[in-house]
N, C-alpha and C. Protein backbone atom coordinates (compact mmCIF):
# COMPACT_ATOMS: atom_id res chain seq x y z
N MET A 1 0.64 -1.54 -0.14
CA MET A 1 0.15 0.31 0.02
C MET A 1 1.15 0.86 -0.23
N LEU A 2 0.28 2.52 -1.06
CA LEU A 2 1.97 3.12 -0.54
C LEU A 2 0.60 3.41 0.06
N ARG A 3 1.55 4.85 1.12
CA ARG A 3 1.43 5.71 2.27
C ARG A 3 2.06 6.65 1.66
N PHE A 4 1.36 7.65 1.75
CA PHE A 4 1.62 9.48 1.62
C PHE A 4 1.53 10.01 2.74
N VAL A 5 2.78 10.08 3.37
CA VAL A 5 3.25 10.50 5.40
C VAL A 5 2.83 11.51 5.36
N LEU A 6 3.42 12.65 4.88
CA LEU A 6 2.77 14.01 5.00
C LEU A 6 2.07 14.45 4.38
N THR A 7 0.49 13.87 4.43
CA THR A 7 -0.64 14.00 4.05
C THR A 7 -1.80 13.32 5.03
N GLY A 8 -0.99 12.46 4.97
CA GLY A 8 -1.64 11.25 6.29
C GLY A 8 -1.43 11.98 7.56
N TYR A 9 -0.16 12.78 7.79
CA TYR A 9 0.17 13.72 8.77
C TYR A 9 -0.76 14.71 8.83
N ILE A 10 -1.02 15.35 7.53
CA ILE A 10 -2.11 16.45 7.55
C ILE A 10 -3.53 16.62 8.29
N GLU A 11 -3.72 14.79 7.68
CA GLU A 11 -5.05 14.60 7.84
C GLU A 11 -6.09 14.67 9.45
N LYS A 12 -4.58 13.33 9.50
CA LYS A 12 -4.58 13.34 10.96
C LYS A 12 -4.91 14.48 12.00
N ALA A 13 -3.93 16.01 11.91
CA ALA A 13 -3.45 16.39 13.13
C ALA A 13 -5.49 17.48 12.57
N LEU A 14 -5.70 17.58 11.44
CA LEU A 14 -6.90 18.33 11.35
C LEU A 14 -7.86 17.17 12.04
N SER A 15 -7.85 16.17 11.87
CA SER A 15 -8.83 16.03 12.45
C SER A 15 -8.94 15.46 13.23
N LEU A 16 -7.41 16.55 14.35
CA LEU A 16 -7.53 16.31 16.46
C LEU A 16 -7.87 18.21 16.30
N ALA A 17 -8.59 18.64 15.25
CA ALA A 17 -8.37 19.89 15.65
C ALA A 17 -9.37 20.34 16.58
N GLU A 18 -9.41 21.25 16.76
CA GLU A 18 -10.94 22.20 17.97
C GLU A 18 -11.24 23.51 17.27
N TYR A 19 -12.33 24.45 17.58
CA TYR A 19 -12.73 25.40 16.72
C TYR A 19 -13.68 25.86 17.88
N ASP A 20 -14.22 26.81 17.80
CA ASP A 20 -13.97 27.77 18.83
C ASP A 20 -15.28 28.56 18.06
N LYS A 21 -16.92 28.96 18.47
CA LYS A 21 -17.50 30.33 17.73
C LYS A 21 -17.06 31.69 19.15
N LEU A 22 -16.13 32.48 18.06
CA LEU A 22 -16.28 33.79 19.42
C LEU A 22 -16.87 34.33 19.97
N GLU A 23 -17.21 35.83 20.20
CA GLU A 23 -18.27 36.28 20.82
C GLU A 23 -18.72 37.17 19.20
N ASP A 24 -18.34 37.36 18.16
CA ASP A 24 -18.51 38.23 17.32
C ASP A 24 -18.67 37.51 16.39
N GLY A 25 -19.14 36.38 16.27
CA GLY A 25 -19.99 35.52 15.55
C GLY A 25 -18.64 35.01 14.32
N THR A 26 -17.69 35.52 15.48
CA THR A 26 -16.38 34.20 14.18
C THR A 26 -15.86 33.47 14.99
N PHE A 27 -15.31 33.06 14.00
CA PHE A 27 -14.14 31.20 14.61
C PHE A 27 -13.15 30.95 14.71
N ALA A 28 -12.65 30.52 15.88
CA ALA A 28 -10.92 30.16 16.15
C ALA A 28 -11.22 28.87 16.16
N GLY A 29 -9.53 28.57 15.06
CA GLY A 29 -9.24 26.86 15.16
C GLY A 29 -8.09 26.99 15.99
N ARG A 30 -7.98 25.84 16.42
CA ARG A 30 -6.58 25.20 16.99
C ARG A 30 -6.21 24.33 16.57
N ILE A 31 -4.91 23.18 16.98
CA ILE A 31 -4.53 22.37 16.45
C ILE A 31 -3.94 21.27 17.88
N PRO A 32 -4.11 20.81 19.23
CA PRO A 32 -2.78 21.06 20.20
C PRO A 32 -2.31 20.86 19.72
N PRO A 33 -2.23 19.16 19.72
CA PRO A 33 -0.34 18.64 19.57
C PRO A 33 0.69 19.83 18.25
N CYS A 34 0.14 20.60 17.65
CA CYS A 34 0.40 21.35 17.07
C CYS A 34 1.07 22.91 17.11
N LYS A 35 1.92 23.32 18.72
CA LYS A 35 1.52 24.68 19.60
C LYS A 35 1.59 25.48 18.48
N GLY A 36 1.20 26.78 18.25
CA GLY A 36 0.77 27.85 18.33
C GLY A 36 0.37 27.54 16.47
N VAL A 37 -0.15 26.10 16.24
CA VAL A 37 -0.90 26.33 15.16
C VAL A 37 -3.03 27.27 15.57
N ILE A 38 -3.00 28.32 14.95
CA ILE A 38 -4.57 28.92 14.74
C ILE A 38 -4.88 29.47 14.11
N ALA A 39 -5.44 29.56 13.74
CA ALA A 39 -6.34 30.17 12.34
C ALA A 39 -7.58 31.28 13.15
N PHE A 40 -8.30 32.08 12.44
CA PHE A 40 -9.25 32.91 12.14
C PHE A 40 -9.59 33.41 10.97
N ALA A 41 -11.69 33.27 11.40
CA ALA A 41 -11.65 33.94 10.10
C ALA A 41 -13.57 33.36 10.20
N GLU A 42 -14.05 33.85 9.23
CA GLU A 42 -15.34 35.13 9.23
C GLU A 42 -16.22 33.44 9.10
N THR A 43 -16.78 32.53 8.12
CA THR A 43 -16.35 31.54 9.07
C THR A 43 -16.55 30.47 9.70
N LEU A 44 -16.30 28.98 9.84
CA LEU A 44 -16.29 27.93 10.12
C LEU A 44 -15.06 26.94 9.03
N ARG A 45 -15.90 26.85 8.20
CA ARG A 45 -15.22 27.08 6.66
C ARG A 45 -14.39 26.61 5.88
N GLU A 46 -14.25 28.77 6.37
CA GLU A 46 -13.29 29.58 6.12
C GLU A 46 -12.29 29.44 7.03
N CYS A 47 -12.07 29.07 7.99
CA CYS A 47 -12.21 28.77 9.46
C CYS A 47 -10.83 27.38 9.21
N GLU A 48 -11.45 26.61 8.95
CA GLU A 48 -11.25 24.62 8.46
C GLU A 48 -9.31 25.39 6.98
N ASN A 49 -10.23 26.40 6.90
CA ASN A 49 -9.01 26.31 5.44
C ASN A 49 -7.84 26.69 5.26
N GLU A 50 -8.81 27.93 6.50
CA GLU A 50 -6.89 28.46 7.28
C GLU A 50 -5.68 27.87 8.16
N LEU A 51 -7.32 27.03 9.00
CA LEU A 51 -6.18 26.13 10.31
C LEU A 51 -5.62 25.38 8.95
N GLN A 52 -5.75 24.80 7.79
CA GLN A 52 -4.88 23.25 7.47
C GLN A 52 -4.26 24.46 6.45
N SER A 53 -4.03 25.97 6.00
CA SER A 53 -2.20 26.63 5.22
C SER A 53 -2.10 26.38 6.75
N ALA A 54 -1.96 27.08 7.69
CA ALA A 54 -1.47 27.66 8.21
C ALA A 54 -0.41 26.48 9.24
N LEU A 55 -1.33 25.36 9.06
CA LEU A 55 -0.16 23.24 9.42
C LEU A 55 0.36 23.32 8.43
N GLU A 56 -0.01 23.96 6.85
CA GLU A 56 1.08 23.89 5.92
C GLU A 56 2.24 24.18 5.85
N ASP A 57 1.95 25.58 6.25
CA ASP A 57 3.66 26.11 6.90
C ASP A 57 4.25 26.12 7.83
N TRP A 58 3.69 25.71 8.93
CA TRP A 58 4.46 25.24 10.56
C TRP A 58 5.25 24.25 10.29
N LEU A 59 3.87 23.35 8.87
CA LEU A 59 5.29 21.79 8.97
C LEU A 59 6.34 22.49 8.30
N LEU A 60 6.36 22.50 7.00
CA LEU A 60 7.14 23.23 5.94
C LEU A 60 8.52 23.67 7.05
N LEU A 61 8.35 24.67 7.17
CA LEU A 61 9.24 25.75 8.45
C LEU A 61 9.91 24.90 9.09
N GLY A 62 8.53 23.66 10.21
CA GLY A 62 9.79 23.54 11.25
C GLY A 62 10.80 21.98 10.74
N LEU A 63 9.83 22.14 9.15
CA LEU A 63 11.50 19.91 8.59
C LEU A 63 12.11 21.93 8.52
N LYS A 64 12.18 22.70 7.08
CA LYS A 64 12.75 23.26 7.27
C LYS A 64 14.58 23.42 8.01
N LEU A 65 13.45 24.10 9.45
CA LEU A 65 14.39 24.25 10.37
C LEU A 65 15.53 23.09 10.76
N GLY A 66 14.38 22.00 10.67
CA GLY A 66 15.19 21.23 11.41
C GLY A 66 14.43 21.02 13.00
N HIS A 67 13.55 21.24 13.08
CA HIS A 67 12.66 21.22 15.19
C HIS A 67 11.74 19.93 14.78
N SER A 68 11.45 19.55 15.36
CA SER A 68 11.52 18.10 16.38
C SER A 68 9.76 18.45 15.68
N ILE A 69 9.84 17.45 15.31
CA ILE A 69 7.57 17.58 14.63
C ILE A 69 6.54 16.72 15.70
N PRO A 70 5.86 17.12 16.18
CA PRO A 70 5.04 16.59 16.91
C PRO A 70 4.56 15.03 16.66
N VAL A 71 5.00 14.36 17.53
CA VAL A 71 3.78 12.71 16.77
C VAL A 71 2.48 13.01 17.00
N ILE A 72 1.40 12.57 15.86
CA ILE A 72 0.13 12.08 16.26
C ILE A 72 -0.38 10.51 16.14
N GLU A 73 0.13 10.99 17.37
CA GLU A 73 -1.16 8.33 17.42
C GLU A 73 0.22 8.02 17.12
N ASP A 74 1.72 7.97 17.44
CA ASP A 74 2.27 7.07 17.49
C ASP A 74 2.39 6.49 15.48
N GLU A 75 1.53 6.54 14.96
CA GLU A 75 1.35 5.97 13.11
C GLU A 75 2.92 7.73 12.51
N TYR A 76 2.17 7.98 12.89
CA TYR A 76 2.65 9.88 12.06
C TYR A 76 3.40 10.49 12.99
N ASN A 77 4.78 10.37 12.89
CA ASN A 77 6.44 9.71 13.30
C ASN A 77 7.13 10.89 12.36
N LEU A 78 6.91 11.57 12.06
CA LEU A 78 7.94 12.78 10.70
C LEU A 78 9.26 12.91 11.67
N ASN A 79 9.41 13.28 12.44
CA ASN A 79 11.00 12.41 12.39
C ASN A 79 11.16 11.22 11.87
N GLN A 80 11.25 10.50 12.98
CA GLN A 80 11.02 8.60 11.87
C GLN A 80 11.30 8.52 10.62
N GLU A 81 10.56 9.52 10.01
CA GLU A 81 10.14 8.86 8.51
C GLU A 81 11.40 10.12 8.00
N LEU A 82 11.87 11.39 8.41
CA LEU A 82 12.62 11.86 7.38
C LEU A 82 14.02 11.25 7.76
N ALA A 83 14.55 11.05 9.48
CA ALA A 83 15.64 10.12 9.81
C ALA A 83 15.93 9.14 7.98
N ALA A 84 15.42 8.23 7.88
CA ALA A 84 14.76 7.40 7.46
C ALA A 84 15.14 7.86 6.13
N VAL A 85 15.03 9.05 5.50
CA VAL A 85 15.57 9.10 4.42
C VAL A 85 16.25 8.72 3.56
């Protein structure tokens, strides 16, 4: 079975996202295991899109700088996968 590690990581991380409707009617989203990945938008759908974009940027920068990336449920350990390449 072909496995896309980065895609799987992103999908799993997004499945852990938490969203709140703010007092002004806008939305905030975050992914608890991925510290600092947060997004705000007018609608929930826009917030989901912004959160995915923030996660992708956060991952690419973290990988480029050699930061340790949080492991998502033992199945998605980008630190291990990259070391094996």
